[in-house]
Amino acid sequence: MKMIKIVAFFLIVLSFSCTKMDIEPLPLPTTQKIFSVSESKVTDGQDIYFDLPSSGVYILAFIDIETGQVISREKFNGKSGENIKKIYTKSIISKYLYLTLSSEDKAQISKTKLILN
């Protein structure tokens, strides 16, 4: 009797392990310029692409849409033409942000809305 229970248990486990699981594919990262659209969905660690008018020092900032507070700011040396930056959003609580690109003298160049996944 004990042997029948053991065999039945293994048959049940085997039948569940053979079922096909539906796994959703990860969204493909976009190579679209982030500031060319008014709104983008982004994930943590995603590369963003944008153009700069000339080489120099620029500032990327995350701004909470509801409160207007600056969540994060990064100063970087950009080159003329296409630039690629990786953004990290894991620790940000807000779901809706503005991403702004400014020159070193704080003149805003571009702005877009981000929806965090």
Protein backbone atom coordinates (compact mmCIF):
# COMPACT_ATOMS: atom_id res chain seq x y z
CA MET A 1 0.00 0.00 0.00
CA LYS A 2 2.85 2.37 0.87
CA MET A 3 4.50 1.68 -2.50
CA ILE A 4 1.29 2.63 -4.39
CA LYS A 5 1.16 5.98 -2.55
CA ILE A 6 4.79 6.71 -3.41
CA VAL A 7 4.27 5.84 -7.10
CA ALA A 8 1.06 7.93 -7.21
CA PHE A 9 2.88 10.87 -5.64
CA PHE A 10 5.69 10.73 -8.23
CA LEU A 11 3.17 10.45 -11.08
CA ILE A 12 1.35 13.56 -9.84
CA VAL A 13 4.62 15.49 -9.47
CA LEU A 14 5.75 14.35 -12.91
CA SER A 15 2.47 15.42 -14.53
CA PHE A 16 2.76 18.96 -13.06
CA SER A 17 6.39 19.28 -14.06
CA CYS A 18 5.59 18.45 -17.67
CA THR A 19 3.02 21.22 -18.13
CA LYS A 20 4.01 24.10 -20.34
CA MET A 21 4.45 27.44 -18.57
CA ASP A 22 3.45 30.64 -20.32
CA ILE A 23 6.35 33.05 -20.06
CA GLU A 24 5.93 36.54 -21.43
CA PRO A 25 8.90 37.77 -23.44
CA LEU A 26 10.78 40.79 -22.13
CA PRO A 27 9.99 43.99 -23.99
CA LEU A 28 12.61 44.83 -26.58
CA PRO A 29 14.54 47.98 -25.75
CA THR A 30 13.76 50.86 -28.01
CA THR A 31 16.38 52.78 -29.94
CA GLN A 32 13.98 55.65 -30.57
CA LYS A 33 15.22 59.04 -29.43
CA ILE A 34 13.70 59.65 -25.98
CA PHE A 35 12.99 63.34 -26.58
CA SER A 36 11.40 62.79 -30.02
CA VAL A 37 8.16 61.60 -28.36
CA SER A 38 6.04 63.25 -25.71
CA GLU A 39 5.79 60.13 -23.51
CA SER A 40 7.79 56.89 -23.09
CA LYS A 41 7.58 53.76 -20.95
CA VAL A 42 10.96 52.91 -19.44
CA THR A 43 12.41 50.15 -17.28
CA ASP A 44 15.30 50.10 -14.85
CA GLY A 45 18.68 49.86 -16.58
CA GLN A 46 17.34 50.84 -20.00
CA ASP A 47 19.50 52.75 -22.48
CA ILE A 48 18.07 56.04 -23.70
CA TYR A 49 19.14 57.74 -26.90
CA PHE A 50 19.13 61.47 -27.57
CA ASP A 51 20.86 64.06 -29.72
CA LEU A 52 22.91 67.01 -28.49
CA PRO A 53 23.52 70.17 -30.51
CA SER A 54 27.21 70.41 -29.53
CA SER A 55 29.82 68.90 -27.24
CA GLY A 56 29.82 70.15 -23.68
CA VAL A 57 28.47 69.66 -20.17
CA TYR A 58 24.77 68.77 -19.89
CA ILE A 59 22.35 67.80 -17.13
CA LEU A 60 19.71 65.06 -17.20
CA ALA A 61 17.11 65.34 -14.43
CA PHE A 62 14.14 63.27 -13.25
CA ILE A 63 11.34 65.49 -11.94
CA ASP A 64 8.25 64.14 -10.14
CA ILE A 65 5.20 65.26 -12.14
CA GLU A 66 2.92 65.57 -9.08
CA THR A 67 5.23 67.47 -6.73
CA GLY A 68 7.65 69.13 -9.15
CA GLN A 69 10.58 67.96 -7.03
CA VAL A 70 13.85 66.93 -8.63
CA ILE A 71 14.29 63.21 -7.91
CA SER A 72 17.65 62.74 -9.59
CA ARG A 73 20.13 64.86 -11.51
CA GLU A 74 23.18 63.77 -13.49
CA LYS A 75 25.80 66.07 -14.94
CA PHE A 76 27.74 64.58 -17.85
CA ASN A 77 30.04 65.45 -20.73
CA GLY A 78 28.08 65.02 -23.94
CA LYS A 79 29.27 64.90 -27.51
CA SER A 80 27.72 66.49 -30.54
CA GLY A 81 25.16 64.18 -32.17
CA GLU A 82 23.74 60.96 -30.73
CA ASN A 83 24.40 60.13 -27.09
CA ILE A 84 23.42 57.04 -25.10
CA LYS A 85 22.85 56.98 -21.34
CA LYS A 86 21.63 54.20 -19.07
CA ILE A 87 18.88 55.19 -16.65
CA TYR A 88 18.20 53.57 -13.31
CA THR A 89 14.69 53.81 -11.88
CA LYS A 90 14.47 50.93 -9.41
CA SER A 91 14.61 53.11 -6.28
CA ILE A 92 12.20 55.78 -7.58
CA ILE A 93 8.78 55.58 -5.95
CA SER A 94 6.91 57.88 -8.33
CA LYS A 95 5.46 56.25 -11.44
CA TYR A 96 5.26 59.39 -13.62
CA LEU A 97 8.28 61.64 -14.17
CA TYR A 98 9.57 64.30 -16.48
CA LEU A 99 13.00 63.73 -17.96
CA THR A 100 14.66 67.04 -18.76
CA LEU A 101 17.85 67.78 -20.65
CA SER A 102 19.52 71.08 -19.80
CA SER A 103 22.75 72.81 -20.67
CA GLU A 104 25.32 73.61 -18.00
CA ASP A 105 23.84 77.11 -17.57
CA LYS A 106 20.47 75.41 -16.76
CA ALA A 107 18.76 76.35 -20.03
CA GLN A 108 16.27 73.56 -20.78
CA ILE A 109 16.87 71.89 -24.15
CA SER A 110 14.32 69.05 -24.12
CA LYS A 111 11.64 67.55 -21.91
CA THR A 112 9.58 64.35 -22.06
CA LYS A 113 7.23 62.40 -19.81
CA LEU A 114 8.34 58.99 -18.49
CA ILE A 115 6.13 56.17 -17.24
CA LEU A 116 8.07 53.74 -15.07
CA ASN A 117 7.39 50.04 -15.48
